[in-house]
Amino acid sequence: MSASANSLYIRTTNIEKDARSPEFIAGLLGIWEASVRASTDDQGNPFPILRMKRLS
């Protein structure tokens, strides 16, 4: 295993251990709730997806 792959493995296992903490889970739920509120109207209906045109 290369040094960069090894450090990635270590960081991944540390994130998995930290993911069990209530603060981490609450933070993820907060981010999820904010993204849902930003992408839906007051009744919970999703906003239409805006299509971007490539300028050429």
C-alpha atoms as a PDB file:
ATOM      1  CA  MET A   1       0.000   0.000   0.000  1.00  0.00           C
ATOM      2  CA  SER A   2       1.455   3.386  -0.950  1.00  0.00           C
ATOM      3  CA  ALA A   3       1.939   6.151   1.594  1.00  0.00           C
ATOM      4  CA  SER A   4      -0.934   8.231   0.212  1.00  0.00           C
ATOM      5  CA  ALA A   5      -3.283   5.243   0.131  1.00  0.00           C
ATOM      6  CA  ASN A   6      -2.250   4.369   3.676  1.00  0.00           C
ATOM      7  CA  SER A   7      -2.969   7.902   4.942  1.00  0.00           C
ATOM      8  CA  LEU A   8      -6.324   7.861   3.144  1.00  0.00           C
ATOM      9  CA  TYR A   9      -7.170   4.571   4.885  1.00  0.00           C
ATOM     10  CA  ILE A  10      -6.216   6.033   8.269  1.00  0.00           C
ATOM     11  CA  ARG A  11      -8.292   9.172   7.677  1.00  0.00           C
ATOM     12  CA  THR A  12     -11.266   7.079   6.560  1.00  0.00           C
ATOM     13  CA  THR A  13     -11.180   4.905   9.666  1.00  0.00           C
ATOM     14  CA  ASN A  14     -10.916   7.983  11.887  1.00  0.00           C
ATOM     15  CA  ILE A  15     -13.928   9.548  10.163  1.00  0.00           C
ATOM     16  CA  GLU A  16     -15.899   6.344  10.717  1.00  0.00           C
ATOM     17  CA  LYS A  17     -15.071   6.412  14.425  1.00  0.00           C
ATOM     18  CA  ASP A  18     -15.997  10.105  14.666  1.00  0.00           C
ATOM     19  CA  ALA A  19     -19.231   9.432  12.747  1.00  0.00           C
ATOM     20  CA  ARG A  20     -20.619   7.615  15.770  1.00  0.00           C
ATOM     21  CA  SER A  21     -20.614  10.758  17.918  1.00  0.00           C
ATOM     22  CA  PRO A  22     -23.981  12.467  18.498  1.00  0.00           C
ATOM     23  CA  GLU A  23     -22.478  15.859  17.614  1.00  0.00           C
ATOM     24  CA  PHE A  24     -21.343  14.609  14.199  1.00  0.00           C
ATOM     25  CA  ILE A  25     -24.732  13.040  13.443  1.00  0.00           C
ATOM     26  CA  ALA A  26     -26.551  16.196  14.571  1.00  0.00           C
ATOM     27  CA  GLY A  27     -24.281  18.259  12.321  1.00  0.00           C
ATOM     28  CA  LEU A  28     -25.045  16.060   9.313  1.00  0.00           C
ATOM     29  CA  LEU A  29     -28.772  16.269  10.017  1.00  0.00           C
ATOM     30  CA  GLY A  30     -28.485  20.060  10.197  1.00  0.00           C
ATOM     31  CA  ILE A  31     -26.746  20.181   6.820  1.00  0.00           C
ATOM     32  CA  TRP A  32     -29.338  17.828   5.319  1.00  0.00           C
ATOM     33  CA  GLU A  33     -32.247  19.869   6.704  1.00  0.00           C
ATOM     34  CA  ALA A  34     -30.772  23.121   5.383  1.00  0.00           C
ATOM     35  CA  SER A  35     -30.280  21.620   1.919  1.00  0.00           C
ATOM     36  CA  VAL A  36     -33.852  20.292   1.859  1.00  0.00           C
ATOM     37  CA  ARG A  37     -35.229  23.675   2.933  1.00  0.00           C
ATOM     38  CA  ALA A  38     -33.122  25.436   0.296  1.00  0.00           C
ATOM     39  CA  SER A  39     -34.415  23.157  -2.470  1.00  0.00           C
ATOM     40  CA  THR A  40     -38.142  23.068  -1.591  1.00  0.00           C
ATOM     41  CA  ASP A  41     -40.933  25.610  -1.255  1.00  0.00           C
ATOM     42  CA  ASP A  42     -43.116  26.176   1.831  1.00  0.00           C
ATOM     43  CA  GLN A  43     -45.280  23.126   1.043  1.00  0.00           C
ATOM     44  CA  GLY A  44     -42.273  20.830   0.627  1.00  0.00           C
ATOM     45  CA  ASN A  45     -42.472  20.659  -3.167  1.00  0.00           C
ATOM     46  CA  PRO A  46     -39.095  20.593  -4.901  1.00  0.00           C
ATOM     47  CA  PHE A  47     -38.107  23.586  -6.988  1.00  0.00           C
ATOM     48  CA  PRO A  48     -37.704  22.870 -10.701  1.00  0.00           C
ATOM     49  CA  ILE A  49     -34.134  22.153 -11.723  1.00  0.00           C
ATOM     50  CA  LEU A  50     -32.631  25.041 -13.629  1.00  0.00           C
ATOM     51  CA  ARG A  51     -30.763  23.983 -16.722  1.00  0.00           C
ATOM     52  CA  MET A  52     -27.541  25.791 -17.467  1.00  0.00           C
ATOM     53  CA  LYS A  53     -26.590  26.574 -21.054  1.00  0.00           C
ATOM     54  CA  ARG A  54     -22.980  26.378 -22.078  1.00  0.00           C
ATOM     55  CA  LEU A  55     -21.762  29.691 -23.432  1.00  0.00           C
ATOM     56  CA  SER A  56     -19.760  29.209 -26.597  1.00  0.00           C
END
